[in-house]
């Protein structure tokens, strides 16, 4: 597995300390992107939290996911959460070490008081002493929140910075990209009131052993709660690895509702990803689960079609200049401003998602702008199926014949790719195993690349002939 060493530096550790009139929670920021360019330690907020105890518990839940491996558990270095200022809210995001759980806390306008929210994205320091201090907050006494250093501290604080170095696997970056693509296909499937939500979540198993032996779990709405079912039925939601929702236990006593999101399923459907959102006073905490505890988001393949087109790459460059850390990226508005069709805008947003430049908010069914503070451009370069498909195209291994394409693989085997109502199936083992459930195989991807290349060549020839006339 390809990985690099990610270094993040802070001016000092994040702390919870006593201050005049209450307590001060100082969350220190690292180098990050802002509307005026990259800054070493940007400040995104200085004001009060309207629900300090709830926010503290929710922040700890995000940190729990960052430090966790839910599959093949082992000790590992924790990646600090990412914070984004979107002008009207603060978003804290993390990803589990096993790449199977994505967590996001959205602190909305009602959860913040007395300060403007800036724009930009960076890492935020969440250290062990801070975690212990946050866990001891037992009341809603006034709590001042500062995300980023005090302005005077930027120029007067001397001494060495606090530096952390942690491994940053490529599959962690790919997982961030895949999670938002998959979530864009979710719809709200159920909403439980507070008491029923707490009862349901507290009844879930906390150990993965029994869940792993029984296969994927499914639940269906039933009155004000969810009841288990042994198979996928219309309206059901997959609950893959229910023990992975344990981070939600920190906030259950503050919950006002539970919302569950997932894709539409039919009878006999394979396991799918799902999102579980706990509604809290002035904020939302969402955990998105991969289709299986042993199956991280990094290999789902949802971004491959968008990565494979030159058109999407050009469109993404255009769309990127129209993003402004908006909390809700409206596809129709971008289409109007760019002159592109909504379909091309969505493909461009997927492409931007592969470099961490957009996320997806299931509660608002909308993308949002952020800039991950990592070298996320390598996601495309290190995607094995994409690399293999391009190698097949470059080697001239693809032959087209109407709805059929044949691909001669590196080992000499010939694979047949069929087009059935726009869905490409293949005779290879990958397709036989996943049936398109983890994106296209390298052979189908190569056929699609060649088809698009031929279509582009035909359009260019038509333009040349039109100009000649």
Protein backbone atom coordinates (compact mmCIF):
# COMPACT_ATOMS: atom_id res chain seq x y z
CA UNK A 1 0.00 0.00 0.00
CA UNK A 2 1.45 3.35 -1.09
CA UNK A 3 1.79 5.89 1.70
CA UNK A 4 3.72 9.01 2.60
CA UNK A 5 4.58 10.73 5.85
CA UNK A 6 2.21 13.64 6.47
CA UNK A 7 3.59 16.42 8.68
CA UNK A 8 1.24 18.92 10.32
CA UNK A 9 2.51 21.78 12.48
CA UNK A 10 0.67 23.87 15.07
CA UNK A 11 1.83 26.97 16.96
CA UNK A 12 0.91 25.27 20.22
CA UNK A 13 -1.34 22.41 21.39
CA UNK A 14 -5.10 22.88 21.44
CA UNK A 15 -6.27 23.47 25.02
CA UNK A 16 -9.34 23.94 27.17
CA UNK A 17 -8.54 26.56 29.77
CA UNK A 18 -10.25 28.83 32.27
CA UNK A 19 -10.98 32.37 31.12
CA UNK A 20 -12.87 35.40 32.37
CA UNK A 21 -16.58 34.61 32.38
CA UNK A 22 -16.21 30.92 31.53
CA UNK A 23 -13.85 28.62 29.66
CA UNK A 24 -11.93 28.95 26.41
CA UNK A 25 -11.59 26.11 23.93
CA UNK A 26 -8.67 26.97 21.67
CA UNK A 27 -8.43 24.68 18.64
CA UNK A 28 -5.11 25.26 16.88
CA UNK A 29 -4.95 25.09 13.08
CA UNK A 30 -2.23 23.93 10.72
CA UNK A 31 -1.33 25.16 7.23
CA UNK A 32 -4.49 25.48 5.16
CA UNK A 33 -6.25 26.98 2.15
CA UNK A 34 -8.25 30.22 2.36
CA UNK A 35 -9.84 32.57 -0.20
CA UNK A 36 -6.67 34.73 -0.10
CA UNK A 37 -4.32 31.79 -0.58
CA UNK A 38 -2.51 29.29 1.62
CA UNK A 39 -1.90 30.44 5.22
CA UNK A 40 0.17 28.77 7.90
CA UNK A 41 -2.38 29.04 10.73
CA UNK A 42 -5.71 30.50 9.57
CA UNK A 43 -8.42 31.54 12.03
CA UNK A 44 -11.99 30.56 11.14
CA UNK A 45 -14.00 31.51 14.24
CA UNK A 46 -13.85 33.32 17.57
CA UNK A 47 -17.11 33.35 19.51
CA UNK A 48 -19.31 31.28 21.78
CA UNK A 49 -20.88 27.83 21.51
CA UNK A 50 -24.58 27.80 22.32
CA UNK A 51 -24.40 24.14 23.48
CA UNK A 52 -20.88 23.59 24.84
CA UNK A 53 -21.49 20.15 26.32
CA UNK A 54 -23.08 18.82 23.13
CA UNK A 55 -20.38 20.27 20.90
CA UNK A 56 -17.63 18.82 23.08
CA UNK A 57 -19.17 15.34 22.94
CA UNK A 58 -19.66 15.56 19.18
CA UNK A 59 -16.05 16.71 18.64
CA UNK A 60 -14.87 13.72 20.65
CA UNK A 61 -16.98 11.43 18.46
CA UNK A 62 -15.23 12.78 15.33
CA UNK A 63 -11.86 12.30 17.03
CA UNK A 64 -12.88 8.74 18.01
CA UNK A 65 -13.38 7.84 14.34
CA UNK A 66 -10.05 9.42 13.35
CA UNK A 67 -8.25 7.22 15.89
CA UNK A 68 -10.15 4.00 15.14
CA UNK A 69 -9.69 0.92 13.03
CA UNK A 70 -12.94 -1.06 12.93
CA UNK A 71 -11.41 -3.90 10.91
CA UNK A 72 -8.28 -5.74 12.04
CA UNK A 73 -8.01 -3.42 15.03
CA UNK A 74 -4.53 -2.26 15.95
CA UNK A 75 -2.84 0.77 17.45
CA UNK A 76 -2.02 3.45 14.91
CA UNK A 77 -1.18 7.10 14.64
CA UNK A 78 -4.30 9.25 14.44
CA UNK A 79 -4.91 11.76 11.67
CA UNK A 80 -6.14 15.05 13.09
CA UNK A 81 -9.65 16.04 11.98
CA UNK A 82 -10.13 18.46 9.10
CA UNK A 83 -12.00 21.71 9.79
CA UNK A 84 -13.70 23.83 7.13
CA UNK A 85 -15.17 27.28 7.58
CA UNK A 86 -18.08 27.75 5.17
CA UNK A 87 -19.14 31.25 6.17
CA UNK A 88 -22.26 30.14 8.04
CA UNK A 89 -21.01 26.93 9.72
CA UNK A 90 -17.99 24.95 10.83
CA UNK A 91 -17.49 21.40 9.56
CA UNK A 92 -15.22 18.90 11.31
CA UNK A 93 -14.39 15.75 9.30
CA UNK A 94 -12.41 12.59 9.95
CA UNK A 95 -11.87 9.18 8.39
CA UNK A 96 -11.12 5.91 10.16
CA UNK A 97 -7.78 4.20 9.76
CA UNK A 98 -9.46 1.20 8.09
CA UNK A 99 -11.04 3.56 5.49
CA UNK A 100 -14.53 2.27 6.25
CA UNK A 101 -16.11 5.07 8.33
CA UNK A 102 -16.39 8.76 7.45
CA UNK A 103 -17.46 11.16 10.21
CA UNK A 104 -18.59 14.77 9.91
CA UNK A 105 -19.84 17.26 12.50
CA UNK A 106 -21.66 20.28 11.08
CA UNK A 107 -21.89 23.07 13.68
CA UNK A 108 -24.59 25.27 12.16
CA UNK A 109 -25.47 28.94 12.73
CA UNK A 110 -27.75 28.18 15.73
CA UNK A 111 -24.82 26.41 17.40
CA UNK A 112 -22.51 29.44 17.14
CA UNK A 113 -22.87 32.86 18.71
CA UNK A 114 -20.99 36.15 18.73
CA UNK A 115 -18.53 35.71 15.90
CA UNK A 116 -18.28 35.48 12.14
CA UNK A 117 -17.27 32.22 10.49
CA UNK A 118 -14.39 32.48 8.05
CA UNK A 119 -13.68 30.48 4.90
CA UNK A 120 -11.06 27.82 4.32
CA UNK A 121 -9.89 24.33 5.27
CA UNK A 122 -7.07 22.97 7.41
CA UNK A 123 -6.24 20.37 10.07
CA UNK A 124 -7.12 21.05 13.69
CA UNK A 125 -5.13 19.69 16.63
CA UNK A 126 -7.04 17.27 18.86
CA UNK A 127 -4.53 15.87 21.36
CA UNK A 128 -5.01 13.45 24.24
CA UNK A 129 -4.99 16.07 27.06
CA UNK A 130 -7.63 18.02 25.15
CA UNK A 131 -9.76 14.90 24.73
CA UNK A 132 -9.62 14.29 28.48
CA UNK A 133 -10.56 17.90 29.21
CA UNK A 134 -13.50 17.85 26.76
CA UNK A 135 -14.83 14.64 28.29
CA UNK A 136 -15.07 16.40 31.67
CA UNK A 137 -17.33 19.22 30.49
CA UNK A 138 -20.47 18.50 32.44
CA UNK A 139 -22.56 21.62 32.08
CA UNK A 140 -23.43 24.31 29.60
CA UNK A 141 -21.49 27.10 31.31
CA UNK A 142 -20.27 29.74 28.83
CA UNK A 143 -17.62 28.31 26.51
CA UNK A 144 -15.69 30.51 24.11
CA UNK A 145 -14.47 28.72 20.97
CA UNK A 146 -11.49 29.88 18.95
CA UNK A 147 -10.62 27.96 15.78
CA UNK A 148 -7.16 29.20 14.87
CA UNK A 149 -4.65 31.31 16.80
CA UNK A 150 -5.41 34.66 18.35
CA UNK A 151 -4.38 37.43 15.97
CA UNK A 152 -1.75 38.76 18.37
CA UNK A 153 -0.35 35.26 18.81
CA UNK A 154 0.39 35.05 15.10
CA UNK A 155 3.03 37.77 15.42
CA UNK A 156 4.16 37.50 19.03
CA UNK A 157 4.27 33.77 19.80
CA UNK A 158 7.85 32.52 19.55
CA UNK A 159 9.43 29.13 20.08
CA UNK A 160 9.18 25.78 18.31
CA UNK A 161 5.93 24.66 16.70
CA UNK A 162 4.13 21.48 17.67
CA UNK A 163 4.67 19.00 14.85
CA UNK A 164 3.00 15.66 14.22
CA UNK A 165 4.08 13.15 11.58
CA UNK A 166 1.69 10.36 10.64
CA UNK A 167 1.48 7.88 7.74
CA UNK A 168 -0.96 9.01 5.06
CA UNK A 169 -2.05 6.03 2.90
CA UNK A 170 -3.30 6.62 -0.64
CA UNK A 171 -6.38 4.52 0.09
CA UNK A 172 -7.31 6.98 2.89
CA UNK A 173 -7.36 9.79 0.32
CA UNK A 174 -9.25 7.69 -2.22
CA UNK A 175 -11.76 6.82 0.51
CA UNK A 176 -12.48 10.49 1.19
CA UNK A 177 -13.26 10.90 -2.52
CA UNK A 178 -15.38 7.76 -2.83
CA UNK A 179 -17.44 8.49 0.30
CA UNK A 180 -18.82 11.76 -1.09
CA UNK A 181 -19.58 10.19 -4.50
CA UNK A 182 -21.49 7.33 -2.89
CA UNK A 183 -23.36 9.65 -0.50
CA UNK A 184 -24.59 11.71 -3.46
CA UNK A 185 -26.73 8.70 -4.41
CA UNK A 186 -28.46 8.51 -1.00
CA UNK A 187 -31.97 9.59 -0.09
CA UNK A 188 -33.59 9.98 3.33
CA UNK A 189 -35.04 6.56 4.23
CA UNK A 190 -36.16 7.01 7.83
CA UNK A 191 -36.35 9.57 10.64
CA UNK A 192 -36.73 8.50 14.26
CA UNK A 193 -37.72 10.81 17.14
CA UNK A 194 -35.31 11.16 20.03
CA UNK A 195 -36.56 8.42 22.38
CA UNK A 196 -36.89 5.81 19.62
CA UNK A 197 -33.53 6.78 18.14
CA UNK A 198 -31.76 6.32 21.47
CA UNK A 199 -33.52 3.01 22.08
CA UNK A 200 -32.56 1.67 18.65
CA UNK A 201 -28.90 2.76 18.76
CA UNK A 202 -28.30 1.55 22.31
CA UNK A 203 -29.62 -1.90 21.36
CA UNK A 204 -27.02 -2.36 18.60
CA UNK A 205 -24.17 -4.83 19.22
CA UNK A 206 -20.84 -3.28 20.15
CA UNK A 207 -18.70 -6.24 19.08
CA UNK A 208 -18.10 -7.10 15.46
CA UNK A 209 -17.68 -10.85 15.87
CA UNK A 210 -21.35 -11.84 15.75
CA UNK A 211 -22.15 -9.32 12.99
CA UNK A 212 -19.37 -10.69 10.79
CA UNK A 213 -20.75 -14.24 11.05
CA UNK A 214 -24.31 -13.32 10.11
CA UNK A 215 -23.53 -11.23 7.02
CA UNK A 216 -24.97 -7.80 6.21
CA UNK A 217 -27.80 -6.50 8.36
CA UNK A 218 -30.83 -4.69 6.97
CA UNK A 219 -33.43 -2.52 8.70
CA UNK A 220 -36.77 -1.17 7.50
CA UNK A 221 -38.87 1.72 8.85
CA UNK A 222 -41.64 0.50 11.12
CA UNK A 223 -43.75 3.16 12.80
CA UNK A 224 -41.40 5.40 14.76
CA UNK A 225 -38.50 2.96 14.78
CA UNK A 226 -36.51 0.56 12.61
CA UNK A 227 -36.96 -3.18 12.68
CA UNK A 228 -34.41 -5.73 11.45
CA UNK A 229 -35.00 -7.83 8.37
CA UNK A 230 -33.00 -10.74 7.05
CA UNK A 231 -32.81 -9.49 3.46
CA UNK A 232 -32.97 -6.42 1.29
CA UNK A 233 -36.54 -5.35 0.54
CA UNK A 234 -37.80 -2.13 -1.07
CA UNK A 235 -37.33 0.71 1.41
CA UNK A 236 -34.71 -1.15 3.46
CA UNK A 237 -31.40 0.34 4.57
CA UNK A 238 -28.22 -1.66 4.98
CA UNK A 239 -26.57 -1.51 8.41
CA UNK A 240 -23.12 -2.93 7.65
CA UNK A 241 -21.09 -3.51 10.78
CA UNK A 242 -23.46 -1.92 13.35
CA UNK A 243 -20.61 -1.83 15.90
CA UNK A 244 -19.07 0.93 13.75
CA UNK A 245 -21.76 3.34 14.99
CA UNK A 246 -20.30 3.24 18.50
CA UNK A 247 -18.97 6.81 18.21
CA UNK A 248 -22.60 8.01 18.25
CA UNK A 249 -22.95 6.77 21.84
CA UNK A 250 -21.17 9.93 23.04
CA UNK A 251 -24.04 12.18 21.92
CA UNK A 252 -27.15 10.03 22.36
CA UNK A 253 -28.44 11.80 25.46
CA UNK A 254 -28.44 15.06 23.52
CA UNK A 255 -30.07 13.67 20.35
CA UNK A 256 -33.31 15.15 19.07
CA UNK A 257 -33.69 12.75 16.12
CA UNK A 258 -31.95 10.11 14.01
CA UNK A 259 -32.02 10.27 10.22
CA UNK A 260 -30.96 7.36 8.05
CA UNK A 261 -29.86 7.66 4.42
CA UNK A 262 -29.15 5.07 1.77
CA UNK A 263 -29.61 4.18 -1.90
CA UNK A 264 -32.78 2.67 -3.31
CA UNK A 265 -32.62 -1.14 -3.07
CA UNK A 266 -34.58 -3.99 -4.58
CA UNK A 267 -35.13 -7.51 -3.31
CA UNK A 268 -31.91 -9.51 -3.07
CA UNK A 269 -29.64 -6.48 -3.38
CA UNK A 270 -26.05 -6.76 -2.20
CA UNK A 271 -24.79 -4.86 0.85
CA UNK A 272 -24.62 -1.09 0.38
CA UNK A 273 -23.18 1.93 2.19
CA UNK A 274 -25.43 4.05 4.40
CA UNK A 275 -25.31 7.28 6.42
CA UNK A 276 -26.53 7.72 10.01
CA UNK A 277 -27.15 11.28 11.19
CA UNK A 278 -27.84 12.25 14.78
CA UNK A 279 -29.60 15.62 14.98
CA UNK A 280 -28.33 17.71 17.91
CA UNK A 281 -29.14 21.22 19.14
CA UNK A 282 -27.58 23.55 16.54
CA UNK A 283 -25.57 20.81 14.83
CA UNK A 284 -25.55 17.43 13.07
CA UNK A 285 -23.22 14.46 13.52
CA UNK A 286 -23.12 12.00 10.59
CA UNK A 287 -21.34 8.66 10.21
CA UNK A 288 -21.19 7.12 6.74
CA UNK A 289 -20.42 3.39 6.70
CA UNK A 290 -18.84 1.42 3.85
CA UNK A 291 -20.78 -1.67 2.62
CA UNK A 292 -18.79 -4.00 4.87
CA UNK A 293 -16.47 -3.72 7.87
CA UNK A 294 -13.69 -5.40 5.89
CA UNK A 295 -14.33 -3.25 2.80
CA UNK A 296 -13.15 0.34 2.91
CA UNK A 297 -14.44 3.11 0.67
CA UNK A 298 -11.16 3.33 -1.26
CA UNK A 299 -11.98 0.50 -3.69
CA UNK A 300 -15.61 1.31 -4.48
CA UNK A 301 -14.81 2.72 -7.95
CA UNK A 302 -17.52 5.39 -7.97
CA UNK A 303 -15.13 8.06 -9.27
CA UNK A 304 -13.55 6.08 -12.12
CA UNK A 305 -15.87 7.15 -14.94
CA UNK A 306 -15.38 10.83 -14.11
CA UNK A 307 -11.60 10.41 -13.82
CA UNK A 308 -11.42 8.69 -17.18
CA UNK A 309 -12.66 11.64 -19.27
CA UNK A 310 -10.63 14.56 -20.54
CA UNK A 311 -13.89 16.53 -20.76
CA UNK A 312 -14.46 16.21 -17.00
CA UNK A 313 -10.90 17.36 -16.33
CA UNK A 314 -11.43 20.53 -18.37
CA UNK A 315 -14.87 21.12 -16.85
CA UNK A 316 -13.44 20.68 -13.34
CA UNK A 317 -10.92 23.46 -13.97
CA UNK A 318 -13.78 25.77 -14.95
CA UNK A 319 -16.04 24.78 -12.04
CA UNK A 320 -13.19 25.11 -9.53
CA UNK A 321 -12.91 28.86 -10.10
CA UNK A 322 -16.61 29.26 -9.31
CA UNK A 323 -16.36 27.58 -5.89
CA UNK A 324 -16.02 29.94 -2.92
CA UNK A 325 -16.23 27.75 0.18
CA UNK A 326 -19.98 27.75 -0.28
CA UNK A 327 -21.86 25.68 2.32
CA UNK A 328 -24.25 24.50 -0.42
CA UNK A 329 -22.99 24.10 -3.98
CA UNK A 330 -26.02 24.38 -6.26
CA UNK A 331 -25.61 22.36 -9.47
CA UNK A 332 -28.18 24.46 -11.36
CA UNK A 333 -26.41 27.71 -10.42
CA UNK A 334 -23.05 26.31 -11.49
CA UNK A 335 -24.55 25.12 -14.77
CA UNK A 336 -25.92 28.59 -15.44
CA UNK A 337 -22.66 30.33 -14.51
CA UNK A 338 -20.43 27.94 -16.45
CA UNK A 339 -22.56 27.26 -19.49
CA UNK A 340 -22.26 23.50 -18.89
CA UNK A 341 -25.10 21.01 -18.61
CA UNK A 342 -26.03 19.83 -15.10
CA UNK A 343 -24.69 16.35 -15.98
CA UNK A 344 -21.28 17.79 -16.89
CA UNK A 345 -21.28 19.90 -13.71
CA UNK A 346 -21.93 16.79 -11.60
CA UNK A 347 -19.11 14.92 -13.35
CA UNK A 348 -16.81 17.89 -12.72
CA UNK A 349 -17.78 17.93 -9.03
CA UNK A 350 -16.96 14.22 -8.77
CA UNK A 351 -13.60 14.95 -10.35
CA UNK A 352 -12.99 17.78 -7.87
CA UNK A 353 -13.99 15.41 -5.09
CA UNK A 354 -11.07 13.13 -5.98
CA UNK A 355 -8.69 15.91 -4.94
CA UNK A 356 -10.69 16.70 -1.80
CA UNK A 357 -12.15 19.94 -3.12
CA UNK A 358 -15.83 19.11 -2.51
CA UNK A 359 -17.77 17.01 -0.05
CA UNK A 360 -21.41 15.99 0.06
CA UNK A 361 -23.96 16.78 2.77
CA UNK A 362 -26.74 14.18 2.81
CA UNK A 363 -28.95 16.32 5.09
CA UNK A 364 -29.10 19.11 2.51
CA UNK A 365 -28.63 16.89 -0.57
CA UNK A 366 -25.92 19.25 -1.77
CA UNK A 367 -22.18 19.43 -2.32
CA UNK A 368 -20.04 21.84 -0.29
CA UNK A 369 -16.64 23.36 -0.99
CA UNK A 370 -13.53 22.45 0.99
CA UNK A 371 -9.84 21.91 0.23
CA UNK A 372 -8.25 18.92 1.94
CA UNK A 373 -4.85 19.86 3.41
CA UNK A 374 -3.13 16.88 1.78
CA UNK A 375 -1.51 16.04 -1.56
CA UNK A 376 -4.78 14.60 -2.76
CA UNK A 377 -3.95 15.00 -6.48
CA UNK A 378 -2.18 11.66 -6.25
CA UNK A 379 -5.54 9.92 -5.78
CA UNK A 380 -5.97 9.73 -9.55
CA UNK A 381 -2.34 8.83 -10.23
CA UNK A 382 -2.42 5.93 -7.79
CA UNK A 383 -5.81 4.42 -8.69
CA UNK A 384 -4.83 0.95 -9.93
CA UNK A 385 -7.87 0.28 -12.15
CA UNK A 386 -7.55 3.67 -13.83
CA UNK A 387 -3.84 3.13 -14.46
CA UNK A 388 -4.47 -0.34 -15.87
CA UNK A 389 -7.28 0.86 -18.16
CA UNK A 390 -5.10 3.62 -19.58
CA UNK A 391 -2.29 1.12 -20.15
CA UNK A 392 -4.67 -1.14 -22.10
CA UNK A 393 -5.79 1.77 -24.27
CA UNK A 394 -2.20 2.87 -24.90
CA UNK A 395 -1.26 -0.70 -25.89
CA UNK A 396 -4.05 -0.82 -28.48
CA UNK A 397 -5.67 -3.74 -26.65
CA UNK A 398 -9.27 -2.54 -27.19
CA UNK A 399 -11.36 -3.37 -30.26
CA UNK A 400 -14.91 -2.06 -30.73
CA UNK A 401 -17.73 -3.76 -32.61
CA UNK A 402 -21.09 -2.08 -32.03
CA UNK A 403 -22.39 -2.93 -28.57
CA UNK A 404 -19.49 -5.32 -28.05
CA UNK A 405 -15.92 -4.50 -27.12
CA UNK A 406 -13.07 -6.93 -26.77
CA UNK A 407 -10.04 -6.31 -24.61
CA UNK A 408 -6.87 -8.37 -24.81
CA UNK A 409 -5.39 -8.31 -21.31
CA UNK A 410 -1.72 -8.33 -20.42
CA UNK A 411 -1.75 -12.10 -19.97
CA UNK A 412 -3.22 -12.67 -23.43
CA UNK A 413 -6.75 -13.50 -22.25
CA UNK A 414 -9.54 -11.87 -24.27
CA UNK A 415 -12.39 -10.30 -22.28
CA UNK A 416 -15.72 -9.32 -23.83
CA UNK A 417 -17.40 -6.13 -22.70
CA UNK A 418 -21.10 -5.74 -23.54
CA UNK A 419 -23.24 -2.61 -23.48
CA UNK A 420 -26.68 -3.33 -22.05
CA UNK A 421 -28.77 -0.14 -21.87
CA UNK A 422 -25.70 1.94 -21.09
CA UNK A 423 -24.35 -0.47 -18.45
CA UNK A 424 -21.10 -2.17 -19.43
CA UNK A 425 -20.72 -5.78 -18.28
CA UNK A 426 -17.60 -7.89 -18.71
CA UNK A 427 -16.60 -11.55 -18.87
CA UNK A 428 -13.75 -11.05 -16.37
CA UNK A 429 -13.58 -12.35 -12.79
CA UNK A 430 -13.94 -8.82 -11.33
CA UNK A 431 -17.35 -8.40 -12.94
CA UNK A 432 -18.40 -11.92 -11.96
CA UNK A 433 -17.54 -11.15 -8.33
CA UNK A 434 -18.96 -7.63 -7.95
CA UNK A 435 -21.47 -7.28 -10.83
CA UNK A 436 -20.71 -3.56 -11.07
CA UNK A 437 -21.17 -3.03 -7.33
CA UNK A 438 -17.68 -1.58 -6.97
CA UNK A 439 -17.53 0.45 -10.16
CA UNK A 440 -16.34 -0.66 -13.60
CA UNK A 441 -13.57 -3.20 -14.12
CA UNK A 442 -10.43 -2.08 -15.97
CA UNK A 443 -11.66 -3.67 -19.22
CA UNK A 444 -15.03 -1.83 -19.20
CA UNK A 445 -13.23 1.37 -18.26
CA UNK A 446 -10.82 0.94 -21.19
CA UNK A 447 -13.72 0.35 -23.62
CA UNK A 448 -15.46 3.47 -22.33
CA UNK A 449 -12.27 5.52 -22.81
CA UNK A 450 -11.90 4.36 -26.42
CA UNK A 451 -15.56 5.04 -27.16
CA UNK A 452 -15.29 8.55 -25.80
CA UNK A 453 -12.13 9.10 -27.78
CA UNK A 454 -13.84 7.99 -31.00
CA UNK A 455 -16.85 10.21 -30.26
CA UNK A 456 -14.57 13.19 -29.62
CA UNK A 457 -12.71 12.52 -32.88
CA UNK A 458 -16.02 12.42 -34.77
CA UNK A 459 -17.08 15.75 -33.24
CA UNK A 460 -13.77 17.32 -34.16
CA UNK A 461 -14.09 16.03 -37.74
CA UNK A 462 -17.64 17.40 -37.97
CA UNK A 463 -16.43 20.83 -36.82
CA UNK A 464 -13.64 20.79 -39.38
CA UNK A 465 -16.08 19.88 -42.18
CA UNK A 466 -18.51 22.57 -41.03
CA UNK A 467 -15.75 25.18 -41.01
CA UNK A 468 -14.70 24.11 -44.51
CA UNK A 469 -18.22 24.68 -45.80
